[in-house]
Amino acid sequence: MENLLLKITGLIDDSSVRILANAIQDLPNIGHLEISREKGEASIDYGRFVSPEDIIQAIVDAGFEAECV
């Protein structure tokens, strides 16, 4: 698995963290996922069936902004 570290904008409360986690975990081949609301970051382990672009698009579709760190 590879790791992707993203800066996430829009994490305002625990509910937004759950929404983000669900959006990412709905993608295929997602491994360990760690979201820090305090830092505004998400660390995502992913396999070969999903690309960083797919992950970022899922985050944007869920109503957040994301950029690679």
C-alpha atoms as a PDB file:
ATOM      1  CA  MET A   1       0.000   0.000   0.000  1.00  0.00           C
ATOM      2  CA  GLU A   2       0.995   3.574  -0.601  1.00  0.00           C
ATOM      3  CA  ASN A   3       0.366   6.524   1.688  1.00  0.00           C
ATOM      4  CA  LEU A   4      -1.201   9.848   0.800  1.00  0.00           C
ATOM      5  CA  LEU A   5      -1.054  12.849   3.143  1.00  0.00           C
ATOM      6  CA  LEU A   6      -3.603  15.560   2.391  1.00  0.00           C
ATOM      7  CA  LYS A   7      -4.404  18.968   3.815  1.00  0.00           C
ATOM      8  CA  ILE A   8      -8.188  19.109   4.263  1.00  0.00           C
ATOM      9  CA  THR A   9     -10.220  22.320   4.497  1.00  0.00           C
ATOM     10  CA  GLY A  10     -13.675  22.277   6.048  1.00  0.00           C
ATOM     11  CA  LEU A  11     -13.311  19.943   9.029  1.00  0.00           C
ATOM     12  CA  ILE A  12     -15.338  21.926  11.557  1.00  0.00           C
ATOM     13  CA  ASP A  13     -16.615  19.238  13.941  1.00  0.00           C
ATOM     14  CA  ASP A  14     -16.779  15.494  14.603  1.00  0.00           C
ATOM     15  CA  SER A  15     -19.678  15.131  12.186  1.00  0.00           C
ATOM     16  CA  SER A  16     -17.600  16.516   9.323  1.00  0.00           C
ATOM     17  CA  VAL A  17     -14.806  14.072  10.201  1.00  0.00           C
ATOM     18  CA  ARG A  18     -17.287  11.166   9.982  1.00  0.00           C
ATOM     19  CA  ILE A  19     -18.619  12.419   6.637  1.00  0.00           C
ATOM     20  CA  LEU A  20     -15.068  12.643   5.292  1.00  0.00           C
ATOM     21  CA  ALA A  21     -14.128   9.202   6.623  1.00  0.00           C
ATOM     22  CA  ASN A  22     -17.207   7.617   5.053  1.00  0.00           C
ATOM     23  CA  ALA A  23     -16.500   9.260   1.687  1.00  0.00           C
ATOM     24  CA  ILE A  24     -12.931   7.938   1.650  1.00  0.00           C
ATOM     25  CA  GLN A  25     -13.781   4.471   2.989  1.00  0.00           C
ATOM     26  CA  ASP A  26     -16.412   4.019   0.259  1.00  0.00           C
ATOM     27  CA  LEU A  27     -13.550   3.854  -2.256  1.00  0.00           C
ATOM     28  CA  PRO A  28     -12.043   0.471  -3.157  1.00  0.00           C
ATOM     29  CA  ASN A  29      -8.793  -0.720  -1.589  1.00  0.00           C
ATOM     30  CA  ILE A  30      -8.515   1.858   1.195  1.00  0.00           C
ATOM     31  CA  GLY A  31      -6.386   0.657   4.090  1.00  0.00           C
ATOM     32  CA  HIS A  32      -5.576   2.619   7.235  1.00  0.00           C
ATOM     33  CA  LEU A  33      -7.204   6.051   7.443  1.00  0.00           C
ATOM     34  CA  GLU A  34      -6.301   8.692  10.017  1.00  0.00           C
ATOM     35  CA  ILE A  35      -7.992  12.091  10.076  1.00  0.00           C
ATOM     36  CA  SER A  36      -6.849  14.933  12.329  1.00  0.00           C
ATOM     37  CA  ARG A  37      -9.418  17.705  12.661  1.00  0.00           C
ATOM     38  CA  GLU A  38      -6.951  19.768  14.718  1.00  0.00           C
ATOM     39  CA  LYS A  39      -4.258  19.629  12.019  1.00  0.00           C
ATOM     40  CA  GLY A  40      -6.705  19.600   9.109  1.00  0.00           C
ATOM     41  CA  GLU A  41      -4.964  16.570   7.653  1.00  0.00           C
ATOM     42  CA  ALA A  42      -5.807  13.091   6.461  1.00  0.00           C
ATOM     43  CA  SER A  43      -3.323  10.235   6.104  1.00  0.00           C
ATOM     44  CA  ILE A  44      -4.623   7.516   3.809  1.00  0.00           C
ATOM     45  CA  ASP A  45      -3.132   4.135   2.928  1.00  0.00           C
ATOM     46  CA  TYR A  46      -4.428   2.974  -0.441  1.00  0.00           C
ATOM     47  CA  GLY A  47      -3.839   0.162  -2.894  1.00  0.00           C
ATOM     48  CA  ARG A  48      -3.439  -0.059  -6.632  1.00  0.00           C
ATOM     49  CA  PHE A  49      -7.155  -0.026  -7.474  1.00  0.00           C
ATOM     50  CA  VAL A  50      -7.570   3.616  -6.470  1.00  0.00           C
ATOM     51  CA  SER A  51      -5.500   6.688  -7.369  1.00  0.00           C
ATOM     52  CA  PRO A  52      -4.718   9.827  -5.353  1.00  0.00           C
ATOM     53  CA  GLU A  53      -6.897  11.722  -7.822  1.00  0.00           C
ATOM     54  CA  ASP A  54      -9.833   9.406  -7.046  1.00  0.00           C
ATOM     55  CA  ILE A  55      -9.370  10.020  -3.327  1.00  0.00           C
ATOM     56  CA  ILE A  56      -9.195  13.798  -3.752  1.00  0.00           C
ATOM     57  CA  GLN A  57     -12.292  13.742  -5.964  1.00  0.00           C
ATOM     58  CA  ALA A  58     -14.235  11.773  -3.332  1.00  0.00           C
ATOM     59  CA  ILE A  59     -13.218  14.364  -0.730  1.00  0.00           C
ATOM     60  CA  VAL A  60     -14.314  17.252  -2.959  1.00  0.00           C
ATOM     61  CA  ASP A  61     -17.590  15.479  -3.763  1.00  0.00           C
ATOM     62  CA  ALA A  62     -18.208  15.211   0.005  1.00  0.00           C
ATOM     63  CA  GLY A  63     -17.924  19.009   0.309  1.00  0.00           C
ATOM     64  CA  PHE A  64     -14.334  19.508   1.417  1.00  0.00           C
ATOM     65  CA  GLU A  65     -11.189  20.867  -0.190  1.00  0.00           C
ATOM     66  CA  ALA A  66      -8.020  18.771  -0.362  1.00  0.00           C
ATOM     67  CA  GLU A  67      -4.450  19.267  -1.472  1.00  0.00           C
ATOM     68  CA  CYS A  68      -1.324  17.139  -1.233  1.00  0.00           C
ATOM     69  CA  VAL A  69       1.076  18.037   1.561  1.00  0.00           C
END
